Amino acid sequence: MTYVIIPLDSKRDRKDFECGKGLLDNYFHKQVSQDVKRKLSVCFTIIDEDSDSIAGYYTLSSNSISNSVIPESYRKKLPNSYSSIPTMLIGRLGIDKNFQRKGIGKLLLIDALKRCFDTSDTIGAFAVIVDPLDTEAENFYGKYGFIKLPDSGKMFLPMKTIKSLFE
C-alpha cells in the first residue's frame, strides 16, 4: 500500500470513515470542515493511494498550558514570568477501522510532530500536547514518549525531544 498525507480536501468523501470512536467519527463527519474554515485547527488526512480511501486524520492547532502543570524538572528551566507556556495541540487523531493495526497511527504522529517541529522555528512552542480520549490512546502516546501532565489527563512531548527525532 502507498500512502500520502495531505491537507483535508473538503471535496473528498468522508462519510465512509469510521474509526470506532464516536467522538472522533462525529467530529470528522460533521465539524472538521467548519473548524478548518474558522481557522480553529488544520486537518491532515492520510490517503491510501491504491483505494483512494481516507485511512486516517489528525488535527493541529495552537495551544497553551499553565506553567503550574508542567513537571518541575521542565518548569525550572522556564522563565517564571510565563504563567502559560505556548504549545501545539494534536487535537484529534483517528484511524479508519479498515486501516487499524497497520502503523498508520505512527505515520500520522510522526507527520504531526514534524510539522510542529518545523513550525516551532517560526512560532514559539515549548511542546506538543495531546489530550487522550481513552486508555488506549494514552498508551499509544506513552509509547512514543509523551509525558502525563498531573491533574489534567493531558500529555506532552517537549520540543527539545521532538528536535532529537529529526536531527
C-alpha atoms as a PDB file:
ATOM      1  CA  MET A   1       0.000   0.000   0.000  1.00  0.00           C
ATOM      2  CA  THR A   2       1.119   3.514  -0.764  1.00  0.00           C
ATOM      3  CA  TYR A   3       0.040   6.402   1.443  1.00  0.00           C
ATOM      4  CA  VAL A   4       0.145  10.146   1.072  1.00  0.00           C
ATOM      5  CA  ILE A   5      -0.592  12.726   3.776  1.00  0.00           C
ATOM      6  CA  ILE A   6      -2.420  15.797   2.519  1.00  0.00           C
ATOM      7  CA  PRO A   7      -4.453  18.651   3.961  1.00  0.00           C
ATOM      8  CA  LEU A   8      -8.147  17.885   4.301  1.00  0.00           C
ATOM      9  CA  ASP A   9      -9.862  18.181   0.935  1.00  0.00           C
ATOM     10  CA  SER A  10     -13.459  19.222   1.535  1.00  0.00           C
ATOM     11  CA  LYS A  11     -14.442  17.583  -1.761  1.00  0.00           C
ATOM     12  CA  ARG A  12     -13.193  14.176  -0.612  1.00  0.00           C
ATOM     13  CA  ASP A  13     -15.967  11.914   0.669  1.00  0.00           C
ATOM     14  CA  ARG A  14     -15.642  11.371   4.433  1.00  0.00           C
ATOM     15  CA  LYS A  15     -18.945   9.562   5.075  1.00  0.00           C
ATOM     16  CA  ASP A  16     -17.411   6.055   4.991  1.00  0.00           C
ATOM     17  CA  PHE A  17     -14.682   6.910   7.512  1.00  0.00           C
ATOM     18  CA  GLU A  18     -15.182   5.033  10.764  1.00  0.00           C
ATOM     19  CA  CYS A  19     -12.556   4.602  13.450  1.00  0.00           C
ATOM     20  CA  GLY A  20     -14.881   3.140  16.062  1.00  0.00           C
ATOM     21  CA  LYS A  21     -14.635   6.105  18.434  1.00  0.00           C
ATOM     22  CA  GLY A  22     -17.908   8.018  18.165  1.00  0.00           C
ATOM     23  CA  LEU A  23     -16.407  11.338  19.234  1.00  0.00           C
ATOM     24  CA  LEU A  24     -13.696  11.163  16.562  1.00  0.00           C
ATOM     25  CA  ASP A  25     -16.038   9.879  13.841  1.00  0.00           C
ATOM     26  CA  ASN A  26     -18.676  12.502  14.563  1.00  0.00           C
ATOM     27  CA  TYR A  27     -16.090  15.285  14.582  1.00  0.00           C
ATOM     28  CA  PHE A  28     -14.631  14.158  11.253  1.00  0.00           C
ATOM     29  CA  HIS A  29     -18.052  13.822   9.598  1.00  0.00           C
ATOM     30  CA  LYS A  30     -19.736  16.956  10.935  1.00  0.00           C
ATOM     31  CA  GLN A  31     -17.358  19.535  12.384  1.00  0.00           C
ATOM     32  CA  VAL A  32     -13.833  19.372  10.982  1.00  0.00           C
ATOM     33  CA  SER A  33     -14.586  21.412   7.831  1.00  0.00           C
ATOM     34  CA  GLN A  34     -16.078  24.229   9.913  1.00  0.00           C
ATOM     35  CA  ASP A  35     -13.092  24.239  12.278  1.00  0.00           C
ATOM     36  CA  VAL A  36     -10.725  24.467   9.314  1.00  0.00           C
ATOM     37  CA  LYS A  37     -12.758  27.313   7.737  1.00  0.00           C
ATOM     38  CA  ARG A  38     -12.782  29.194  11.043  1.00  0.00           C
ATOM     39  CA  LYS A  39      -9.010  28.684  11.443  1.00  0.00           C
ATOM     40  CA  LEU A  40      -9.566  26.833  14.725  1.00  0.00           C
ATOM     41  CA  SER A  41      -7.478  23.909  13.525  1.00  0.00           C
ATOM     42  CA  VAL A  42      -5.926  22.386  10.446  1.00  0.00           C
ATOM     43  CA  CYS A  43      -6.617  18.816   9.421  1.00  0.00           C
ATOM     44  CA  PHE A  44      -4.389  16.393   7.578  1.00  0.00           C
ATOM     45  CA  THR A  45      -5.581  13.136   6.088  1.00  0.00           C
ATOM     46  CA  ILE A  46      -3.644  10.064   5.101  1.00  0.00           C
ATOM     47  CA  ILE A  47      -4.897   8.609   1.840  1.00  0.00           C
ATOM     48  CA  ASP A  48      -4.418   5.040   0.659  1.00  0.00           C
ATOM     49  CA  GLU A  49      -3.479   5.705  -2.966  1.00  0.00           C
ATOM     50  CA  ASP A  50      -4.492   2.180  -4.006  1.00  0.00           C
ATOM     51  CA  SER A  51      -8.119   2.610  -2.926  1.00  0.00           C
ATOM     52  CA  ASP A  52      -8.252   6.429  -2.720  1.00  0.00           C
ATOM     53  CA  SER A  53      -9.709   5.964   0.788  1.00  0.00           C
ATOM     54  CA  ILE A  54      -9.102   8.109   3.838  1.00  0.00           C
ATOM     55  CA  ALA A  55      -7.104   5.863   6.146  1.00  0.00           C
ATOM     56  CA  GLY A  56      -6.857   8.391   8.972  1.00  0.00           C
ATOM     57  CA  TYR A  57      -6.619  12.004  10.015  1.00  0.00           C
ATOM     58  CA  TYR A  58      -5.248  14.347  12.631  1.00  0.00           C
ATOM     59  CA  THR A  59      -5.765  17.973  13.581  1.00  0.00           C
ATOM     60  CA  LEU A  60      -3.308  20.607  14.767  1.00  0.00           C
ATOM     61  CA  SER A  61      -3.867  23.924  16.481  1.00  0.00           C
ATOM     62  CA  SER A  62      -2.044  26.370  18.688  1.00  0.00           C
ATOM     63  CA  ASN A  63      -2.485  25.977  22.398  1.00  0.00           C
ATOM     64  CA  SER A  64      -1.035  26.857  25.760  1.00  0.00           C
ATOM     65  CA  ILE A  65      -0.826  25.176  29.112  1.00  0.00           C
ATOM     66  CA  SER A  66      -0.415  26.583  32.569  1.00  0.00           C
ATOM     67  CA  ASN A  67       3.167  26.751  33.735  1.00  0.00           C
ATOM     68  CA  SER A  68       1.989  25.190  37.005  1.00  0.00           C
ATOM     69  CA  VAL A  69       1.063  21.829  35.411  1.00  0.00           C
ATOM     70  CA  ILE A  70       4.462  21.285  33.794  1.00  0.00           C
ATOM     71  CA  PRO A  71       6.592  18.846  35.812  1.00  0.00           C
ATOM     72  CA  GLU A  72       9.176  20.594  37.977  1.00  0.00           C
ATOM     73  CA  SER A  73      12.129  19.116  36.060  1.00  0.00           C
ATOM     74  CA  TYR A  74      10.969  21.043  32.962  1.00  0.00           C
ATOM     75  CA  ARG A  75       9.468  24.079  34.698  1.00  0.00           C
ATOM     76  CA  LYS A  76      12.722  25.014  36.451  1.00  0.00           C
ATOM     77  CA  LYS A  77      14.271  25.685  33.030  1.00  0.00           C
ATOM     78  CA  LEU A  78      11.471  28.108  32.061  1.00  0.00           C
ATOM     79  CA  PRO A  79      11.190  31.785  32.999  1.00  0.00           C
ATOM     80  CA  ASN A  80       8.910  32.444  35.975  1.00  0.00           C
ATOM     81  CA  SER A  81       7.337  35.351  34.099  1.00  0.00           C
ATOM     82  CA  TYR A  82       5.310  32.972  31.908  1.00  0.00           C
ATOM     83  CA  SER A  83       2.041  31.946  33.544  1.00  0.00           C
ATOM     84  CA  SER A  84       1.164  29.893  30.474  1.00  0.00           C
ATOM     85  CA  ILE A  85       3.509  28.185  28.066  1.00  0.00           C
ATOM     86  CA  PRO A  86       2.923  28.145  24.278  1.00  0.00           C
ATOM     87  CA  THR A  87       2.370  24.694  22.820  1.00  0.00           C
ATOM     88  CA  MET A  88       0.891  22.980  19.789  1.00  0.00           C
ATOM     89  CA  LEU A  89      -2.040  20.612  20.119  1.00  0.00           C
ATOM     90  CA  ILE A  90      -2.705  17.393  18.265  1.00  0.00           C
ATOM     91  CA  GLY A  91      -6.408  17.701  18.937  1.00  0.00           C
ATOM     92  CA  ARG A  92      -7.759  14.628  17.201  1.00  0.00           C
ATOM     93  CA  LEU A  93      -6.172  11.568  15.604  1.00  0.00           C
ATOM     94  CA  GLY A  94      -8.277   8.754  14.156  1.00  0.00           C
ATOM     95  CA  ILE A  95      -7.588   5.695  12.013  1.00  0.00           C
ATOM     96  CA  ASP A  96     -10.311   4.076   9.893  1.00  0.00           C
ATOM     97  CA  LYS A  97     -11.186   0.545  11.054  1.00  0.00           C
ATOM     98  CA  ASN A  98     -10.003  -0.886   7.721  1.00  0.00           C
ATOM     99  CA  PHE A  99      -6.506   0.509   8.329  1.00  0.00           C
ATOM    100  CA  GLN A 100      -6.002  -0.076  12.048  1.00  0.00           C
ATOM    101  CA  ARG A 101      -3.010  -2.114  13.253  1.00  0.00           C
ATOM    102  CA  LYS A 102      -1.028  -1.244  10.107  1.00  0.00           C
ATOM    103  CA  GLY A 103       1.212   1.522  11.517  1.00  0.00           C
ATOM    104  CA  ILE A 104      -0.969   4.378  10.228  1.00  0.00           C
ATOM    105  CA  GLY A 105      -1.187   5.983  13.677  1.00  0.00           C
ATOM    106  CA  LYS A 106       2.588   6.068  13.915  1.00  0.00           C
ATOM    107  CA  LEU A 107       2.861   7.602  10.424  1.00  0.00           C
ATOM    108  CA  LEU A 108       0.338  10.303  11.322  1.00  0.00           C
ATOM    109  CA  LEU A 109       2.011  11.052  14.652  1.00  0.00           C
ATOM    110  CA  ILE A 110       5.447  11.382  13.039  1.00  0.00           C
ATOM    111  CA  ASP A 111       3.996  13.676  10.381  1.00  0.00           C
ATOM    112  CA  ALA A 112       2.262  15.809  13.017  1.00  0.00           C
ATOM    113  CA  LEU A 113       5.401  16.051  15.141  1.00  0.00           C
ATOM    114  CA  LYS A 114       7.489  17.001  12.110  1.00  0.00           C
ATOM    115  CA  ARG A 115       5.044  19.759  11.162  1.00  0.00           C
ATOM    116  CA  CYS A 116       5.043  21.034  14.745  1.00  0.00           C
ATOM    117  CA  PHE A 117       8.833  20.978  14.906  1.00  0.00           C
ATOM    118  CA  ASP A 118       9.163  22.798  11.576  1.00  0.00           C
ATOM    119  CA  THR A 119       6.635  25.419  12.687  1.00  0.00           C
ATOM    120  CA  SER A 120       8.421  25.938  16.008  1.00  0.00           C
ATOM    121  CA  ASP A 121      11.191  27.735  14.112  1.00  0.00           C
ATOM    122  CA  THR A 122       8.624  30.376  13.125  1.00  0.00           C
ATOM    123  CA  ILE A 123       6.166  30.349  16.020  1.00  0.00           C
ATOM    124  CA  GLY A 124       7.359  29.578  19.537  1.00  0.00           C
ATOM    125  CA  ALA A 125       6.139  26.347  21.082  1.00  0.00           C
ATOM    126  CA  PHE A 126       7.643  24.597  24.090  1.00  0.00           C
ATOM    127  CA  ALA A 127       5.931  21.257  23.496  1.00  0.00           C
ATOM    128  CA  VAL A 128       3.273  19.279  21.679  1.00  0.00           C
ATOM    129  CA  ILE A 129       0.189  18.483  23.740  1.00  0.00           C
ATOM    130  CA  VAL A 130      -2.321  15.669  23.331  1.00  0.00           C
ATOM    131  CA  ASP A 131      -5.491  15.016  25.308  1.00  0.00           C
ATOM    132  CA  PRO A 132      -6.011  11.250  25.019  1.00  0.00           C
ATOM    133  CA  LEU A 133      -9.607  10.176  24.571  1.00  0.00           C
ATOM    134  CA  ASP A 134      -9.163   6.930  26.494  1.00  0.00           C
ATOM    135  CA  THR A 135      -6.619   4.498  27.949  1.00  0.00           C
ATOM    136  CA  GLU A 136      -5.868   3.043  24.519  1.00  0.00           C
ATOM    137  CA  ALA A 137      -4.908   6.496  23.214  1.00  0.00           C
ATOM    138  CA  GLU A 138      -2.929   7.254  26.378  1.00  0.00           C
ATOM    139  CA  ASN A 139      -0.947   4.047  25.906  1.00  0.00           C
ATOM    140  CA  PHE A 140      -0.338   4.919  22.243  1.00  0.00           C
ATOM    141  CA  TYR A 141       1.106   8.337  23.068  1.00  0.00           C
ATOM    142  CA  GLY A 142       3.015   6.991  26.059  1.00  0.00           C
ATOM    143  CA  LYS A 143       4.749   4.502  23.770  1.00  0.00           C
ATOM    144  CA  TYR A 144       6.203   7.465  21.874  1.00  0.00           C
ATOM    145  CA  GLY A 145       7.484   9.303  24.939  1.00  0.00           C
ATOM    146  CA  PHE A 146       4.593  11.609  25.800  1.00  0.00           C
ATOM    147  CA  ILE A 147       4.570  12.506  29.498  1.00  0.00           C
ATOM    148  CA  LYS A 148       1.374  12.709  31.512  1.00  0.00           C
ATOM    149  CA  LEU A 149       0.625  16.117  32.985  1.00  0.00           C
ATOM    150  CA  PRO A 150      -0.639  15.985  36.556  1.00  0.00           C
ATOM    151  CA  ASP A 151      -4.291  16.787  37.232  1.00  0.00           C
ATOM    152  CA  SER A 152      -5.273  17.289  33.593  1.00  0.00           C
ATOM    153  CA  GLY A 153      -5.233  13.976  31.715  1.00  0.00           C
ATOM    154  CA  LYS A 154      -3.219  15.706  29.008  1.00  0.00           C
ATOM    155  CA  MET A 155       0.209  14.565  27.899  1.00  0.00           C
ATOM    156  CA  PHE A 156       3.118  16.485  26.438  1.00  0.00           C
ATOM    157  CA  LEU A 157       6.298  15.921  24.478  1.00  0.00           C
ATOM    158  CA  PRO A 158       8.887  18.710  24.777  1.00  0.00           C
ATOM    159  CA  MET A 159      10.026  20.289  21.518  1.00  0.00           C
ATOM    160  CA  LYS A 160      13.596  19.535  22.586  1.00  0.00           C
ATOM    161  CA  THR A 161      12.750  15.802  22.493  1.00  0.00           C
ATOM    162  CA  ILE A 162      10.981  16.194  19.146  1.00  0.00           C
ATOM    163  CA  LYS A 163      14.028  18.003  17.772  1.00  0.00           C
ATOM    164  CA  SER A 164      16.176  14.974  18.568  1.00  0.00           C
ATOM    165  CA  LEU A 165      13.901  12.844  16.374  1.00  0.00           C
ATOM    166  CA  PHE A 166      14.536  14.919  13.275  1.00  0.00           C
ATOM    167  CA  GLU A 167      18.198  15.881  13.514  1.00  0.00           C
END
